[in-house]
Each structure stands twice: as structure tokens, then as C-alpha cells.
Amino acid sequence: MAEGAEAFDAIVEVGGGTGAITQALANRNPEARLVVFELSEQLADGLHARFPHAQVVAGAFHENVSVLHDLPPKTVVVSGLPFRSLPARIVRPTVDALADVLRADQARRLVQFSYRLRAPFAAPADFVWRRVCTVWRNAPPANVWELHGKPVSA
């Protein structure tokens, strides 16, 4: 599931959890700047211990997004957050913050893992979802989605 995050100068993971995806991201992209957000302070401490080279941010992404002010243009955001089951009071500001990060450069993408067949959340008007693949080796199978800005028409 980490394949979609290759060829970027920075990787931002939203919801690092126990670090399974973080490990794959770090292995595949050892030169990329890695920033990991994790809501649970205990899990964030574990991530910091496992990935001392990463910038681990304990707390909600939308409340701490200011730490990303100096990201390079070639940045990918990776998320496994269960948007369809989170309360709207969390989803809306998180989606808004993600969109702001992506809008900073047309090359930026969100790679989102989901266990559902429909898009993880309603895309902002200037973005579009694309289902990249289904990872059948995962239990349950996971869909990999990519969110990117709509092409600007001339």
C-alpha cells in the first residue's frame, strides 16, 4: 500500500497508528522527509521511538497542520483514517486541512486507504478521486484511492 508514495521529497502520514504503513514508507523512501501525525500520544511516543528520523506530531492533523509550512512541492500525504466512520466535526476540518496542503502545489497527492468501494469522503470542488487499486493481500482487502487537484482549464 506504500507504493503510491514513491518519488516524492516529503511524505506526510496522517494516522500513523502502530507504524505498519510508516515502516513501509520509510523503507521505500529512505531519503524523503517523513512527518507522521498520530492522535494518540502513546502511539505517537512509540512511533517516535521506532522512527527517530521522522517528525512525529502527537495530536489531531487539522489542529497541527501549521508544522507543514515548509514542505517541498513534491509532497504526498498518506492516510488510512476511516473518514466514513468519523464524526463530521472531525472529518470537515481534516478534509479542509488536507485540501490546503494539497493546493500548495499541483504535484501533491493524497493517497488514502479504505476498506470501502466508494470514495473515502466527498472531494472538495477543486479535487477529484481516482481509485488506484485493490490490495487483495490485505485482510480485509483495501482500496487505494488518490485525491488530486482537477486540471486547470485554460
Protein backbone atom coordinates (compact mmCIF):
# COMPACT_ATOMS: atom_id res chain seq x y z
CA MET A 1 0.00 0.00 0.00
CA ALA A 2 3.04 2.29 0.25
CA GLU A 3 3.74 2.13 -3.49
CA GLY A 4 1.77 5.30 -4.25
CA ALA A 5 4.11 7.39 -2.11
CA GLU A 6 7.27 6.90 -4.15
CA ALA A 7 9.17 9.65 -5.98
CA PHE A 8 8.28 12.39 -3.52
CA ASP A 9 10.63 14.60 -1.49
CA ALA A 10 8.36 14.57 1.56
CA ILE A 11 5.78 12.15 2.92
CA VAL A 12 3.14 13.15 5.43
CA GLU A 13 1.31 10.28 7.09
CA VAL A 14 -1.96 11.10 8.81
CA GLY A 15 -2.79 8.49 11.45
CA GLY A 16 0.47 6.60 11.92
CA GLY A 17 -1.06 4.15 14.42
CA THR A 18 1.32 1.32 15.26
CA GLY A 19 3.64 2.15 12.37
CA ALA A 20 2.99 -0.64 9.87
CA ILE A 21 2.50 1.73 6.93
CA THR A 22 5.11 4.11 8.36
CA GLN A 23 7.68 1.30 8.20
CA ALA A 24 6.85 0.56 4.56
CA LEU A 25 7.03 4.27 3.70
CA ALA A 26 10.40 4.66 5.44
CA ASN A 27 11.81 1.53 3.77
CA ARG A 28 10.71 2.54 0.28
CA ASN A 29 11.65 6.22 0.62
CA PRO A 30 14.71 6.49 2.90
CA GLU A 31 15.70 9.94 1.59
CA ALA A 32 12.28 11.58 1.87
CA ARG A 33 11.37 13.84 4.75
CA LEU A 34 8.83 11.94 6.85
CA VAL A 35 6.21 13.66 9.01
CA VAL A 36 3.79 11.44 10.91
CA PHE A 37 0.65 12.63 12.69
CA GLU A 38 -0.91 10.44 15.37
CA LEU A 39 -3.80 11.43 17.62
CA SER A 40 -2.87 9.04 20.45
CA GLU A 41 0.03 10.35 22.49
CA GLN A 42 1.01 6.81 23.48
CA LEU A 43 1.12 5.63 19.85
CA ALA A 44 2.97 8.82 18.86
CA ASP A 45 5.63 8.06 21.51
CA GLY A 46 6.02 4.57 20.04
CA LEU A 47 6.35 5.99 16.53
CA HIS A 48 8.98 8.47 17.67
CA ALA A 49 10.99 5.65 19.28
CA ARG A 50 10.77 3.47 16.14
CA PHE A 51 11.38 6.27 13.64
CA PRO A 52 13.76 8.78 15.25
CA HIS A 53 14.46 10.35 11.84
CA ALA A 54 10.77 11.21 11.39
CA GLN A 55 8.99 14.25 12.72
CA VAL A 56 6.18 12.75 14.81
CA VAL A 57 3.34 15.07 15.76
CA ALA A 58 1.05 13.96 18.59
CA GLY A 59 -2.43 15.37 18.09
CA ALA A 60 -5.11 15.95 15.50
CA PHE A 61 -3.85 16.70 12.00
CA HIS A 62 -6.17 19.68 11.46
CA GLU A 63 -5.03 21.23 14.75
CA ASN A 64 -1.31 20.84 13.99
CA VAL A 65 -1.10 21.32 10.23
CA SER A 66 0.97 24.50 10.74
CA VAL A 67 4.07 22.30 11.24
CA LEU A 68 3.91 21.63 7.48
CA HIS A 69 4.54 25.23 6.39
CA ASP A 70 7.90 24.40 4.75
CA LEU A 71 7.05 21.26 2.77
CA PRO A 72 8.69 20.86 -0.63
CA PRO A 73 6.44 20.98 -3.70
CA LYS A 74 6.77 17.22 -4.30
CA THR A 75 4.89 16.06 -1.21
CA VAL A 76 2.50 13.15 -0.83
CA VAL A 77 0.05 12.76 2.03
CA VAL A 78 -0.78 9.18 3.06
CA SER A 79 -3.80 8.35 5.20
CA GLY A 80 -5.71 5.37 6.45
CA LEU A 81 -8.15 7.39 8.53
CA PRO A 82 -11.65 5.87 8.47
CA PHE A 83 -13.36 9.04 7.25
CA ARG A 84 -16.75 7.40 6.66
CA SER A 85 -16.98 6.38 10.33
CA LEU A 86 -15.57 9.53 11.93
CA PRO A 87 -17.84 12.30 13.26
CA ALA A 88 -18.44 15.23 10.91
CA ARG A 89 -16.85 17.59 13.46
CA ILE A 90 -13.54 15.76 12.79
CA VAL A 91 -13.97 14.99 9.08
CA ARG A 92 -14.71 18.52 7.85
CA PRO A 93 -11.69 20.31 9.39
CA THR A 94 -9.42 17.39 8.50
CA VAL A 95 -10.54 17.42 4.86
CA ASP A 96 -10.16 21.21 4.74
CA ALA A 97 -6.62 20.97 6.14
CA LEU A 98 -5.71 18.19 3.70
CA ALA A 99 -7.04 20.25 0.79
CA ASP A 100 -4.99 23.27 1.88
CA VAL A 101 -1.81 21.17 1.97
CA LEU A 102 -2.54 19.75 -1.48
CA ARG A 103 -3.44 23.12 -3.00
CA ALA A 104 0.05 24.45 -2.28
CA ASP A 105 1.38 22.60 -5.35
CA GLN A 106 -0.32 20.83 -8.28
CA ALA A 107 2.07 17.83 -7.93
CA ARG A 108 0.82 16.98 -4.45
CA ARG A 109 -1.43 13.99 -3.84
CA LEU A 110 -3.33 12.30 -1.07
CA VAL A 111 -3.05 8.50 -1.07
CA GLN A 112 -5.91 7.16 1.03
CA PHE A 113 -6.53 3.56 2.09
CA SER A 114 -10.10 2.45 2.57
CA TYR A 115 -11.99 -0.78 3.03
CA ARG A 116 -15.00 0.51 1.13
CA LEU A 117 -15.66 0.63 -2.60
CA ARG A 118 -16.71 4.27 -2.64
CA ALA A 119 -14.52 7.34 -2.22
CA PRO A 120 -13.36 7.88 1.37
CA PHE A 121 -15.01 11.31 1.63
CA ALA A 122 -16.65 13.88 -0.62
CA ALA A 123 -13.90 15.61 -2.55
CA PRO A 124 -13.69 19.40 -2.34
CA ALA A 125 -14.95 21.04 -5.56
CA ASP A 126 -11.44 21.57 -6.97
CA PHE A 127 -10.34 17.94 -6.42
CA VAL A 128 -11.11 14.56 -7.89
CA TRP A 129 -10.81 11.00 -6.56
CA ARG A 130 -9.32 8.11 -8.52
CA ARG A 131 -9.33 4.53 -7.27
CA VAL A 132 -5.81 3.26 -7.91
CA CYS A 133 -6.06 -0.40 -6.97
CA THR A 134 -7.33 -3.01 -4.56
CA VAL A 135 -4.78 -4.71 -2.31
CA TRP A 136 -6.07 -8.26 -2.14
CA ARG A 137 -3.23 -9.45 0.16
CA ASN A 138 -4.59 -7.20 2.90
CA ALA A 139 -7.21 -8.67 5.22
CA PRO A 140 -9.76 -7.35 4.58
CA PRO A 141 -8.85 -6.19 1.05
CA ALA A 142 -8.07 -2.48 0.96
CA ASN A 143 -8.77 0.02 -1.78
CA VAL A 144 -6.12 2.59 -2.52
CA TRP A 145 -7.50 5.96 -3.59
CA GLU A 146 -5.73 9.06 -4.84
CA LEU A 147 -7.05 12.59 -4.42
CA HIS A 148 -5.56 15.31 -6.58
CA GLY A 149 -6.44 18.73 -7.87
CA LYS A 150 -8.55 18.99 -11.02
CA PRO A 151 -6.58 20.17 -14.04
CA VAL A 152 -6.81 23.90 -14.54
CA SER A 153 -8.57 24.65 -17.84
CA ALA A 154 -7.28 27.44 -19.99
